[in-house]
Amino acid sequence: MAEPGTPGAKMVRQEKAFFAAFACLVIGFLAGIVFSIYKMPGISASFTHNPAAHQQALSPEQLRVMESLEKAVAADPANVQAWTQLGHLYFDTDRFAQAIAAYTRSLELDPGNADVITDLGVMYRRNGQPDQAISSFARAIALDPRHETARFNMGVVLLHDFDDTSGAIKVWEELVELNPVAYAPNGQLVSELLDELRPAP
């Protein structure tokens, strides 16, 4: 994929608490959407598609919350909020397949949630399923054409998983049209990333 530290090697998650990115708190929303990193390592040549290798040990509090949410969805399988929060907890602890299952169930109940669809795409990518990731991001964009997170993440997957530089450029150019001051995870402007990707004149 990209060299370590390359901003394009990072992906971002779209959850309300997560995506109220820290830079927005510092410079305000007038500076544009800031894409922050959330337990999302760069995927490089050393990336493993073994989900178990990534799972984090649960803290006592996380275990308590997970057990509570799992009981909630068992008692009420139509509880979309519990499914969504369970997916977020699985996401946070790198339980990719479980997050995919929880988000999928959430979306069966609430198919129009572009944020959850975007998170599902991130989990597909981290689970070694980039085709499904692209499909998820495209679905989120179809629901919400201004969904900046889905566009940024789609560019990451195109660039680093499919070696599709022209496709990534197109997606990120559309993102910059929506928000000229959109930022990559390291704070670099997406427009600057585009300058680096475009062929020299």
N, C-alpha and C. Protein backbone atom coordinates (compact mmCIF):
# COMPACT_ATOMS: atom_id res chain seq x y z
N MET A 1 0.82 -1.17 0.00
CA MET A 1 0.00 0.00 0.00
C MET A 1 0.87 1.23 0.00
N ALA A 2 0.80 2.06 0.99
CA ALA A 2 1.63 3.25 1.02
C ALA A 2 2.77 3.06 1.99
N GLU A 3 3.76 3.92 1.89
CA GLU A 3 4.86 3.91 2.85
C GLU A 3 4.32 4.27 4.22
N PRO A 4 4.92 3.73 5.29
CA PRO A 4 4.45 4.09 6.63
C PRO A 4 4.44 5.59 6.81
N GLY A 5 3.33 6.07 7.38
CA GLY A 5 3.21 7.50 7.63
C GLY A 5 2.59 8.25 6.48
N THR A 6 2.40 7.59 5.31
CA THR A 6 1.76 8.26 4.20
C THR A 6 0.31 8.49 4.54
N PRO A 7 -0.19 9.74 4.43
CA PRO A 7 -1.54 10.01 4.87
C PRO A 7 -2.58 9.17 4.17
N GLY A 8 -2.36 8.85 2.89
CA GLY A 8 -3.34 8.07 2.17
C GLY A 8 -3.47 6.66 2.68
N ALA A 9 -2.52 6.21 3.48
CA ALA A 9 -2.57 4.85 4.02
C ALA A 9 -3.54 4.75 5.18
N LYS A 10 -4.09 5.86 5.61
CA LYS A 10 -5.00 5.87 6.75
C LYS A 10 -6.44 5.90 6.26
N MET A 11 -7.31 5.24 7.02
CA MET A 11 -8.73 5.34 6.76
C MET A 11 -9.40 5.91 8.00
N VAL A 12 -10.62 6.31 7.82
CA VAL A 12 -11.31 6.97 8.91
C VAL A 12 -12.69 6.38 9.10
N ARG A 13 -13.18 6.54 10.29
CA ARG A 13 -14.47 6.00 10.65
C ARG A 13 -15.49 7.11 10.78
N GLN A 14 -16.73 6.81 10.44
CA GLN A 14 -17.79 7.79 10.51
C GLN A 14 -18.77 7.41 11.61
N GLU A 15 -18.45 7.79 12.85
CA GLU A 15 -19.38 7.69 13.96
C GLU A 15 -19.41 9.08 14.55
N LYS A 16 -20.57 9.49 15.03
CA LYS A 16 -20.72 10.88 15.49
C LYS A 16 -19.62 11.25 16.48
N ALA A 17 -19.43 10.48 17.53
CA ALA A 17 -18.43 10.83 18.54
C ALA A 17 -17.04 10.76 17.96
N PHE A 18 -16.83 9.81 17.07
CA PHE A 18 -15.51 9.64 16.46
C PHE A 18 -15.20 10.74 15.49
N PHE A 19 -16.19 11.07 14.66
CA PHE A 19 -15.89 11.96 13.57
C PHE A 19 -16.04 13.42 13.92
N ALA A 20 -16.39 13.74 15.17
CA ALA A 20 -16.23 15.11 15.63
C ALA A 20 -14.73 15.24 15.86
N ALA A 21 -14.01 15.36 14.77
CA ALA A 21 -12.56 15.22 14.77
C ALA A 21 -11.91 16.26 15.68
N PHE A 22 -10.77 15.83 16.28
CA PHE A 22 -10.16 16.67 17.30
C PHE A 22 -9.75 18.01 16.74
N ALA A 23 -9.35 18.05 15.48
CA ALA A 23 -8.91 19.34 14.93
C ALA A 23 -10.06 20.31 14.81
N CYS A 24 -11.28 19.77 14.60
CA CYS A 24 -12.43 20.66 14.54
C CYS A 24 -12.62 21.39 15.86
N LEU A 25 -12.28 20.73 16.95
CA LEU A 25 -12.43 21.36 18.25
C LEU A 25 -11.43 22.49 18.42
N VAL A 26 -10.33 22.40 17.72
CA VAL A 26 -9.27 23.40 17.86
C VAL A 26 -9.49 24.57 16.91
N ILE A 27 -9.78 24.25 15.67
CA ILE A 27 -9.84 25.32 14.67
C ILE A 27 -11.25 25.63 14.21
N GLY A 28 -12.23 24.86 14.68
CA GLY A 28 -13.61 25.16 14.34
C GLY A 28 -14.01 24.61 12.99
N PHE A 29 -15.28 24.59 12.76
CA PHE A 29 -15.79 23.99 11.53
C PHE A 29 -15.47 24.84 10.29
N LEU A 30 -15.13 26.10 10.47
CA LEU A 30 -14.79 26.93 9.32
C LEU A 30 -13.55 26.41 8.61
N ALA A 31 -12.75 25.64 9.29
CA ALA A 31 -11.55 25.08 8.66
C ALA A 31 -11.88 23.86 7.83
N GLY A 32 -13.12 23.40 7.88
CA GLY A 32 -13.52 22.26 7.06
C GLY A 32 -13.51 20.97 7.85
N ILE A 33 -13.97 19.93 7.21
CA ILE A 33 -14.00 18.62 7.85
C ILE A 33 -12.58 18.11 8.00
N VAL A 34 -12.29 17.61 9.18
CA VAL A 34 -10.98 17.04 9.44
C VAL A 34 -11.16 15.54 9.63
N PHE A 35 -10.44 14.76 8.87
CA PHE A 35 -10.55 13.32 8.95
C PHE A 35 -9.54 12.83 9.98
N SER A 36 -10.03 12.33 11.11
CA SER A 36 -9.13 11.91 12.16
C SER A 36 -8.95 10.40 12.15
N ILE A 37 -7.85 9.96 12.76
CA ILE A 37 -7.52 8.55 12.79
C ILE A 37 -8.20 7.92 14.00
N TYR A 38 -8.76 6.75 13.81
CA TYR A 38 -9.40 6.06 14.93
C TYR A 38 -9.07 4.59 14.86
N LYS A 39 -8.00 4.20 15.56
CA LYS A 39 -7.61 2.80 15.57
C LYS A 39 -7.57 2.22 14.16
N MET A 40 -7.07 2.99 13.21
CA MET A 40 -7.08 2.56 11.83
C MET A 40 -5.67 2.59 11.27
N PRO A 41 -4.90 1.52 11.48
CA PRO A 41 -3.52 1.52 10.99
C PRO A 41 -3.47 1.53 9.48
N GLY A 42 -2.38 2.06 8.95
CA GLY A 42 -2.18 2.01 7.51
C GLY A 42 -2.05 0.57 7.06
N ILE A 43 -2.64 0.28 5.92
CA ILE A 43 -2.56 -1.06 5.38
C ILE A 43 -1.43 -1.07 4.38
N SER A 44 -0.40 -1.85 4.63
CA SER A 44 0.76 -1.88 3.76
C SER A 44 1.02 -3.30 3.32
N ALA A 45 2.18 -3.53 2.78
CA ALA A 45 2.51 -4.87 2.31
C ALA A 45 2.50 -5.86 3.46
N SER A 46 2.68 -5.37 4.66
CA SER A 46 2.72 -6.27 5.82
C SER A 46 1.34 -6.51 6.42
N PHE A 47 0.29 -5.92 5.81
CA PHE A 47 -1.05 -6.09 6.35
C PHE A 47 -1.47 -7.55 6.31
N THR A 48 -2.01 -8.00 7.43
CA THR A 48 -2.50 -9.38 7.49
C THR A 48 -4.00 -9.40 7.42
N HIS A 49 -4.56 -10.39 6.74
CA HIS A 49 -5.99 -10.52 6.64
C HIS A 49 -6.52 -11.50 7.69
N ASN A 50 -5.77 -11.70 8.75
CA ASN A 50 -6.19 -12.56 9.84
C ASN A 50 -6.81 -11.69 10.92
N PRO A 51 -8.16 -11.60 10.96
CA PRO A 51 -8.78 -10.70 11.92
C PRO A 51 -8.39 -10.96 13.35
N ALA A 52 -8.21 -12.22 13.72
CA ALA A 52 -7.89 -12.52 15.12
C ALA A 52 -6.58 -11.90 15.55
N ALA A 53 -5.69 -11.67 14.59
CA ALA A 53 -4.39 -11.08 14.93
C ALA A 53 -4.52 -9.64 15.36
N HIS A 54 -5.66 -9.01 15.07
CA HIS A 54 -5.83 -7.59 15.36
C HIS A 54 -6.69 -7.33 16.58
N GLN A 55 -7.43 -8.32 17.05
CA GLN A 55 -8.37 -8.08 18.12
C GLN A 55 -7.67 -7.57 19.37
N GLN A 56 -8.28 -6.55 19.95
CA GLN A 56 -7.75 -5.99 21.19
C GLN A 56 -8.38 -6.70 22.38
N ALA A 57 -7.62 -6.80 23.45
CA ALA A 57 -8.17 -7.33 24.69
C ALA A 57 -9.19 -6.33 25.22
N LEU A 58 -10.29 -6.86 25.73
CA LEU A 58 -11.34 -6.00 26.24
C LEU A 58 -11.02 -5.54 27.66
N SER A 59 -11.25 -4.27 27.91
CA SER A 59 -11.19 -3.79 29.29
C SER A 59 -12.43 -4.29 30.03
N PRO A 60 -12.40 -4.29 31.36
CA PRO A 60 -13.60 -4.71 32.10
C PRO A 60 -14.84 -3.90 31.70
N GLU A 61 -14.67 -2.60 31.47
CA GLU A 61 -15.81 -1.77 31.09
C GLU A 61 -16.31 -2.16 29.70
N GLN A 62 -15.39 -2.36 28.76
CA GLN A 62 -15.80 -2.76 27.41
C GLN A 62 -16.52 -4.11 27.44
N LEU A 63 -16.00 -5.02 28.25
CA LEU A 63 -16.64 -6.33 28.36
C LEU A 63 -18.05 -6.19 28.91
N ARG A 64 -18.20 -5.34 29.93
CA ARG A 64 -19.52 -5.12 30.51
C ARG A 64 -20.49 -4.56 29.48
N VAL A 65 -20.03 -3.55 28.72
CA VAL A 65 -20.89 -2.93 27.71
C VAL A 65 -21.22 -3.93 26.61
N MET A 66 -20.23 -4.69 26.17
CA MET A 66 -20.45 -5.66 25.11
C MET A 66 -21.49 -6.70 25.54
N GLU A 67 -21.34 -7.22 26.74
CA GLU A 67 -22.29 -8.21 27.23
C GLU A 67 -23.69 -7.61 27.34
N SER A 68 -23.77 -6.36 27.75
CA SER A 68 -25.06 -5.70 27.88
C SER A 68 -25.71 -5.52 26.51
N LEU A 69 -24.93 -5.10 25.53
CA LEU A 69 -25.47 -4.91 24.19
C LEU A 69 -25.86 -6.23 23.55
N GLU A 70 -25.05 -7.25 23.75
CA GLU A 70 -25.38 -8.55 23.19
C GLU A 70 -26.66 -9.10 23.79
N LYS A 71 -26.89 -8.87 25.08
CA LYS A 71 -28.14 -9.27 25.71
C LYS A 71 -29.30 -8.45 25.16
N ALA A 72 -29.05 -7.16 24.89
CA ALA A 72 -30.11 -6.29 24.38
C ALA A 72 -30.59 -6.75 23.01
N VAL A 73 -29.65 -7.09 22.12
CA VAL A 73 -30.07 -7.50 20.78
C VAL A 73 -30.67 -8.91 20.80
N ALA A 74 -30.25 -9.74 21.75
CA ALA A 74 -30.85 -11.06 21.88
C ALA A 74 -32.29 -10.94 22.35
N ALA A 75 -32.54 -10.01 23.27
CA ALA A 75 -33.88 -9.81 23.80
C ALA A 75 -34.78 -9.07 22.82
N ASP A 76 -34.18 -8.17 22.03
CA ASP A 76 -34.96 -7.37 21.07
C ASP A 76 -34.16 -7.26 19.78
N PRO A 77 -34.31 -8.24 18.89
CA PRO A 77 -33.53 -8.24 17.64
C PRO A 77 -33.83 -7.06 16.73
N ALA A 78 -34.88 -6.31 17.00
CA ALA A 78 -35.22 -5.15 16.18
C ALA A 78 -34.67 -3.85 16.76
N ASN A 79 -33.81 -3.94 17.77
CA ASN A 79 -33.24 -2.75 18.41
C ASN A 79 -32.07 -2.24 17.58
N VAL A 80 -32.37 -1.36 16.65
CA VAL A 80 -31.36 -0.90 15.71
C VAL A 80 -30.23 -0.16 16.40
N GLN A 81 -30.55 0.63 17.43
CA GLN A 81 -29.51 1.38 18.12
C GLN A 81 -28.54 0.45 18.84
N ALA A 82 -29.07 -0.62 19.43
CA ALA A 82 -28.19 -1.57 20.11
C ALA A 82 -27.29 -2.28 19.11
N TRP A 83 -27.83 -2.64 17.95
CA TRP A 83 -27.00 -3.28 16.92
C TRP A 83 -25.90 -2.32 16.46
N THR A 84 -26.27 -1.06 16.27
CA THR A 84 -25.28 -0.07 15.82
C THR A 84 -24.19 0.12 16.86
N GLN A 85 -24.57 0.29 18.11
CA GLN A 85 -23.57 0.48 19.16
C GLN A 85 -22.71 -0.76 19.35
N LEU A 86 -23.31 -1.92 19.19
CA LEU A 86 -22.53 -3.15 19.26
C LEU A 86 -21.51 -3.20 18.13
N GLY A 87 -21.95 -2.78 16.94
CA GLY A 87 -21.01 -2.72 15.82
C GLY A 87 -19.86 -1.77 16.10
N HIS A 88 -20.17 -0.62 16.72
CA HIS A 88 -19.12 0.34 17.05
C HIS A 88 -18.13 -0.25 18.04
N LEU A 89 -18.65 -0.99 19.02
CA LEU A 89 -17.75 -1.58 20.02
C LEU A 89 -16.87 -2.65 19.38
N TYR A 90 -17.45 -3.46 18.52
CA TYR A 90 -16.64 -4.44 17.79
C TYR A 90 -15.60 -3.72 16.91
N PHE A 91 -16.01 -2.63 16.30
CA PHE A 91 -15.10 -1.82 15.47
C PHE A 91 -13.93 -1.35 16.33
N ASP A 92 -14.23 -0.79 17.48
CA ASP A 92 -13.21 -0.21 18.34
C ASP A 92 -12.21 -1.24 18.84
N THR A 93 -12.65 -2.49 18.94
CA THR A 93 -11.79 -3.54 19.48
C THR A 93 -11.30 -4.48 18.38
N ASP A 94 -11.41 -4.03 17.13
CA ASP A 94 -10.86 -4.74 15.97
C ASP A 94 -11.45 -6.14 15.78
N ARG A 95 -12.72 -6.29 16.11
CA ARG A 95 -13.43 -7.54 15.83
C ARG A 95 -14.18 -7.35 14.51
N PHE A 96 -13.43 -7.46 13.43
CA PHE A 96 -13.93 -7.06 12.12
C PHE A 96 -15.18 -7.83 11.70
N ALA A 97 -15.10 -9.16 11.74
CA ALA A 97 -16.22 -9.98 11.28
C ALA A 97 -17.47 -9.74 12.13
N GLN A 98 -17.27 -9.59 13.43
CA GLN A 98 -18.41 -9.33 14.31
C GLN A 98 -19.00 -7.94 14.04
N ALA A 99 -18.15 -6.97 13.79
CA ALA A 99 -18.64 -5.63 13.46
C ALA A 99 -19.44 -5.68 12.16
N ILE A 100 -18.95 -6.41 11.17
CA ILE A 100 -19.66 -6.53 9.90
C ILE A 100 -21.04 -7.12 10.13
N ALA A 101 -21.12 -8.17 10.95
CA ALA A 101 -22.41 -8.80 11.22
C ALA A 101 -23.36 -7.85 11.93
N ALA A 102 -22.85 -7.11 12.93
CA ALA A 102 -23.69 -6.19 13.68
C ALA A 102 -24.15 -5.03 12.81
N TYR A 103 -23.24 -4.46 12.03
CA TYR A 103 -23.63 -3.35 11.15
C TYR A 103 -24.61 -3.82 10.08
N THR A 104 -24.41 -5.02 9.57
CA THR A 104 -25.32 -5.55 8.56
C THR A 104 -26.73 -5.68 9.12
N ARG A 105 -26.82 -6.18 10.35
CA ARG A 105 -28.13 -6.30 10.99
C ARG A 105 -28.73 -4.92 11.23
N SER A 106 -27.93 -3.97 11.67
CA SER A 106 -28.41 -2.61 11.87
C SER A 106 -28.98 -2.04 10.58
N LEU A 107 -28.29 -2.30 9.48
CA LEU A 107 -28.72 -1.75 8.20
C LEU A 107 -29.93 -2.47 7.63
N GLU A 108 -30.13 -3.71 8.02
CA GLU A 108 -31.37 -4.39 7.64
C GLU A 108 -32.57 -3.68 8.26
N LEU A 109 -32.36 -3.14 9.45
CA LEU A 109 -33.42 -2.44 10.17
C LEU A 109 -33.52 -0.97 9.75
N ASP A 110 -32.39 -0.38 9.40
CA ASP A 110 -32.35 1.05 9.03
C ASP A 110 -31.41 1.20 7.84
N PRO A 111 -31.88 0.86 6.65
CA PRO A 111 -30.99 0.81 5.47
C PRO A 111 -30.50 2.17 4.98
N GLY A 112 -31.04 3.24 5.50
CA GLY A 112 -30.66 4.56 4.99
C GLY A 112 -29.59 5.27 5.79
N ASN A 113 -28.90 4.58 6.68
CA ASN A 113 -27.90 5.24 7.53
C ASN A 113 -26.53 5.21 6.84
N ALA A 114 -26.19 6.30 6.18
CA ALA A 114 -24.94 6.36 5.42
C ALA A 114 -23.71 6.27 6.32
N ASP A 115 -23.82 6.74 7.55
CA ASP A 115 -22.68 6.67 8.48
C ASP A 115 -22.35 5.21 8.81
N VAL A 116 -23.38 4.43 9.12
CA VAL A 116 -23.16 3.02 9.44
C VAL A 116 -22.65 2.27 8.21
N ILE A 117 -23.17 2.60 7.05
CA ILE A 117 -22.69 1.96 5.82
C ILE A 117 -21.20 2.26 5.62
N THR A 118 -20.79 3.48 5.93
CA THR A 118 -19.38 3.84 5.81
C THR A 118 -18.53 3.06 6.79
N ASP A 119 -18.99 2.94 8.03
CA ASP A 119 -18.26 2.14 9.02
C ASP A 119 -18.18 0.68 8.58
N LEU A 120 -19.26 0.18 7.99
CA LEU A 120 -19.25 -1.18 7.47
C LEU A 120 -18.18 -1.34 6.40
N GLY A 121 -18.05 -0.34 5.54
CA GLY A 121 -17.02 -0.38 4.51
C GLY A 121 -15.62 -0.45 5.09
N VAL A 122 -15.38 0.32 6.14
CA VAL A 122 -14.08 0.28 6.80
C VAL A 122 -13.79 -1.11 7.35
N MET A 123 -14.81 -1.71 7.96
CA MET A 123 -14.62 -3.05 8.51
C MET A 123 -14.38 -4.09 7.40
N TYR A 124 -15.08 -3.94 6.29
CA TYR A 124 -14.82 -4.85 5.17
C TYR A 124 -13.37 -4.72 4.71
N ARG A 125 -12.90 -3.50 4.62
CA ARG A 125 -11.52 -3.30 4.15
C ARG A 125 -10.52 -3.93 5.12
N ARG A 126 -10.77 -3.72 6.41
CA ARG A 126 -9.84 -4.26 7.41
C ARG A 126 -9.96 -5.78 7.53
N ASN A 127 -11.05 -6.32 7.06
CA ASN A 127 -11.24 -7.76 7.08
C ASN A 127 -10.72 -8.41 5.79
N GLY A 128 -10.02 -7.63 4.96
CA GLY A 128 -9.46 -8.16 3.74
C GLY A 128 -10.46 -8.32 2.62
N GLN A 129 -11.51 -7.48 2.61
CA GLN A 129 -12.56 -7.54 1.59
C GLN A 129 -12.72 -6.18 0.92
N PRO A 130 -11.73 -5.74 0.17
CA PRO A 130 -11.78 -4.39 -0.40
C PRO A 130 -12.91 -4.19 -1.41
N ASP A 131 -13.30 -5.23 -2.14
CA ASP A 131 -14.42 -5.07 -3.08
C ASP A 131 -15.70 -4.67 -2.34
N GLN A 132 -15.96 -5.35 -1.23
CA GLN A 132 -17.15 -5.02 -0.44
C GLN A 132 -17.02 -3.64 0.19
N ALA A 133 -15.79 -3.26 0.52
CA ALA A 133 -15.57 -1.91 1.06
C ALA A 133 -15.97 -0.86 0.04
N ILE A 134 -15.51 -1.03 -1.20
CA ILE A 134 -15.85 -0.08 -2.25
C ILE A 134 -17.36 -0.03 -2.45
N SER A 135 -18.00 -1.19 -2.45
CA SER A 135 -19.45 -1.24 -2.63
C SER A 135 -20.16 -0.48 -1.51
N SER A 136 -19.67 -0.64 -0.29
CA SER A 136 -20.28 0.05 0.85
C SER A 136 -20.12 1.56 0.72
N PHE A 137 -18.90 2.01 0.38
CA PHE A 137 -18.70 3.45 0.24
C PHE A 137 -19.54 4.03 -0.90
N ALA A 138 -19.66 3.28 -1.98
CA ALA A 138 -20.50 3.74 -3.10
C ALA A 138 -21.96 3.83 -2.67
N ARG A 139 -22.40 2.87 -1.87
CA ARG A 139 -23.77 2.89 -1.37
C ARG A 139 -24.00 4.09 -0.47
N ALA A 140 -23.04 4.40 0.39
CA ALA A 140 -23.17 5.56 1.27
C ALA A 140 -23.23 6.85 0.45
N ILE A 141 -22.40 6.93 -0.57
CA ILE A 141 -22.38 8.14 -1.41
C ILE A 141 -23.68 8.27 -2.19
N ALA A 142 -24.24 7.14 -2.63
CA ALA A 142 -25.52 7.19 -3.34
C ALA A 142 -26.62 7.72 -2.44
N LEU A 143 -26.58 7.34 -1.16
CA LEU A 143 -27.56 7.84 -0.20
C LEU A 143 -27.32 9.30 0.16
N ASP A 144 -26.05 9.65 0.28
CA ASP A 144 -25.68 11.01 0.69
C ASP A 144 -24.51 11.46 -0.18
N PRO A 145 -24.79 12.12 -1.30
CA PRO A 145 -23.71 12.53 -2.22
C PRO A 145 -22.67 13.44 -1.59
N ARG A 146 -22.99 14.05 -0.45
CA ARG A 146 -22.05 14.94 0.22
C ARG A 146 -21.31 14.24 1.36
N HIS A 147 -21.37 12.92 1.39
CA HIS A 147 -20.73 12.18 2.48
C HIS A 147 -19.21 12.17 2.26
N GLU A 148 -18.53 13.06 2.92
CA GLU A 148 -17.10 13.25 2.70
C GLU A 148 -16.27 12.06 3.18
N THR A 149 -16.70 11.47 4.29
CA THR A 149 -15.93 10.35 4.84
C THR A 149 -15.92 9.17 3.90
N ALA A 150 -17.08 8.86 3.33
CA ALA A 150 -17.16 7.74 2.39
C ALA A 150 -16.28 8.02 1.17
N ARG A 151 -16.27 9.25 0.71
CA ARG A 151 -15.45 9.59 -0.46
C ARG A 151 -13.96 9.47 -0.13
N PHE A 152 -13.57 9.95 1.04
CA PHE A 152 -12.16 9.86 1.40
C PHE A 152 -11.72 8.39 1.49
N ASN A 153 -12.53 7.58 2.18
CA ASN A 153 -12.18 6.18 2.35
C ASN A 153 -12.18 5.41 1.04
N MET A 154 -13.10 5.76 0.15
CA MET A 154 -13.10 5.10 -1.16
C MET A 154 -11.80 5.38 -1.89
N GLY A 155 -11.32 6.62 -1.81
CA GLY A 155 -10.04 6.95 -2.43
C GLY A 155 -8.89 6.15 -1.85
N VAL A 156 -8.92 5.95 -0.53
CA VAL A 156 -7.87 5.16 0.12
C VAL A 156 -7.85 3.74 -0.43
N VAL A 157 -9.03 3.12 -0.51
CA VAL A 157 -9.09 1.73 -0.98
C VAL A 157 -8.69 1.63 -2.45
N LEU A 158 -9.17 2.55 -3.26
CA LEU A 158 -8.80 2.52 -4.67
C LEU A 158 -7.29 2.66 -4.84
N LEU A 159 -6.70 3.57 -4.08
CA LEU A 159 -5.28 3.84 -4.23
C LEU A 159 -4.42 2.71 -3.71
N HIS A 160 -4.75 2.21 -2.53
CA HIS A 160 -3.84 1.30 -1.85
C HIS A 160 -4.19 -0.17 -1.97
N ASP A 161 -5.44 -0.48 -2.27
CA ASP A 161 -5.80 -1.88 -2.43
C ASP A 161 -5.92 -2.29 -3.89
N PHE A 162 -6.25 -1.34 -4.75
CA PHE A 162 -6.43 -1.65 -6.17
C PHE A 162 -5.40 -0.98 -7.06
N ASP A 163 -4.50 -0.20 -6.46
CA ASP A 163 -3.48 0.51 -7.24
C ASP A 163 -4.12 1.32 -8.36
N ASP A 164 -5.27 1.91 -8.06
CA ASP A 164 -6.03 2.69 -9.04
C ASP A 164 -5.86 4.17 -8.73
N THR A 165 -4.73 4.70 -9.15
CA THR A 165 -4.43 6.10 -8.85
C THR A 165 -5.43 7.04 -9.50
N SER A 166 -5.77 6.77 -10.75
CA SER A 166 -6.70 7.66 -11.45
C SER A 166 -8.08 7.63 -10.79
N GLY A 167 -8.50 6.45 -10.34
CA GLY A 167 -9.78 6.38 -9.64
C GLY A 167 -9.76 7.13 -8.33
N ALA A 168 -8.67 7.00 -7.57
CA ALA A 168 -8.54 7.73 -6.31
C ALA A 168 -8.53 9.23 -6.56
N ILE A 169 -7.82 9.67 -7.58
CA ILE A 169 -7.77 11.10 -7.92
C ILE A 169 -9.18 11.61 -8.20
N LYS A 170 -9.94 10.87 -8.99
CA LYS A 170 -11.29 11.30 -9.34
C LYS A 170 -12.16 11.44 -8.08
N VAL A 171 -12.11 10.44 -7.21
CA VAL A 171 -12.93 10.48 -6.00
C VAL A 171 -12.52 11.64 -5.10
N TRP A 172 -11.22 11.85 -4.96
CA TRP A 172 -10.76 12.92 -4.08
C TRP A 172 -10.97 14.30 -4.71
N GLU A 173 -10.94 14.38 -6.03
CA GLU A 173 -11.27 15.65 -6.67
C GLU A 173 -12.73 16.02 -6.39
N GLU A 174 -13.59 15.02 -6.42
CA GLU A 174 -15.00 15.27 -6.08
C GLU A 174 -15.13 15.70 -4.63
N LEU A 175 -14.33 15.09 -3.75
CA LEU A 175 -14.35 15.48 -2.34
C LEU A 175 -13.92 16.93 -2.17
N VAL A 176 -12.87 17.32 -2.85
CA VAL A 176 -12.37 18.69 -2.73
C VAL A 176 -13.36 19.69 -3.32
N GLU A 177 -14.10 19.26 -4.33
CA GLU A 177 -15.15 20.14 -4.86
C GLU A 177 -16.21 20.40 -3.79
N LEU A 178 -16.53 19.35 -3.03
CA LEU A 178 -17.50 19.51 -1.94
C LEU A 178 -16.94 20.36 -0.81
N ASN A 179 -15.68 20.13 -0.48
CA ASN A 179 -15.06 20.83 0.66
C ASN A 179 -13.59 21.09 0.32
N PRO A 180 -13.28 22.27 -0.16
CA PRO A 180 -11.90 22.58 -0.58
C PRO A 180 -10.87 22.44 0.53
N VAL A 181 -11.31 22.47 1.80
CA VAL A 181 -10.36 22.38 2.90
C VAL A 181 -10.51 21.06 3.66
N ALA A 182 -10.93 20.01 2.97
CA ALA A 182 -10.97 18.69 3.59
C ALA A 182 -9.54 18.24 3.90
N TYR A 183 -9.38 17.58 5.04
CA TYR A 183 -8.06 17.18 5.50
C TYR A 183 -7.94 15.66 5.55
N ALA A 184 -6.72 15.19 5.32
CA ALA A 184 -6.36 13.79 5.52
C ALA A 184 -6.07 13.57 7.00
N PRO A 185 -5.90 12.31 7.44
CA PRO A 185 -5.71 12.04 8.88
C PRO A 185 -4.55 12.78 9.53
N ASN A 186 -3.49 13.07 8.77
CA ASN A 186 -2.34 13.74 9.39
C ASN A 186 -2.45 15.26 9.35
N GLY A 187 -3.62 15.75 8.92
CA GLY A 187 -3.82 17.19 8.85
C GLY A 187 -3.47 17.79 7.51
N GLN A 188 -2.96 16.98 6.59
CA GLN A 188 -2.62 17.49 5.27
C GLN A 188 -3.89 17.66 4.45
N LEU A 189 -3.96 18.74 3.70
CA LEU A 189 -5.10 18.96 2.84
C LEU A 189 -5.21 17.86 1.79
N VAL A 190 -6.42 17.42 1.53
CA VAL A 190 -6.62 16.43 0.47
C VAL A 190 -6.18 17.02 -0.87
N SER A 191 -6.36 18.32 -1.04
CA SER A 191 -5.91 18.96 -2.28
C SER A 191 -4.39 18.82 -2.45
N GLU A 192 -3.65 18.82 -1.35
CA GLU A 192 -2.20 18.62 -1.44
C GLU A 192 -1.86 17.18 -1.79
N LEU A 193 -2.64 16.25 -1.26
CA LEU A 193 -2.45 14.85 -1.64
C LEU A 193 -2.69 14.68 -3.13
N LEU A 194 -3.70 15.35 -3.63
CA LEU A 194 -3.98 15.28 -5.07
C LEU A 194 -2.81 15.81 -5.88
N ASP A 195 -2.21 16.91 -5.42
CA ASP A 195 -1.05 17.46 -6.14
C ASP A 195 0.09 16.45 -6.21
N GLU A 196 0.22 15.65 -5.13
CA GLU A 196 1.28 14.65 -5.11
C GLU A 196 0.98 13.46 -6.01
N LEU A 197 -0.31 13.17 -6.17
CA LEU A 197 -0.70 12.01 -6.97
C LEU A 197 -0.75 12.29 -8.47
N ARG A 198 -1.10 13.52 -8.82
CA ARG A 198 -1.24 13.84 -10.24
C ARG A 198 0.11 13.75 -10.95
N PRO A 199 0.09 13.25 -12.19
CA PRO A 199 1.34 13.18 -12.95
C PRO A 199 1.94 14.57 -13.14
N ALA A 200 3.24 14.63 -13.14
CA ALA A 200 3.93 15.91 -13.38
C ALA A 200 3.62 16.38 -14.79
N PRO A 201 3.44 17.68 -14.98
CA PRO A 201 3.15 18.19 -16.33
C PRO A 201 4.33 18.00 -17.26
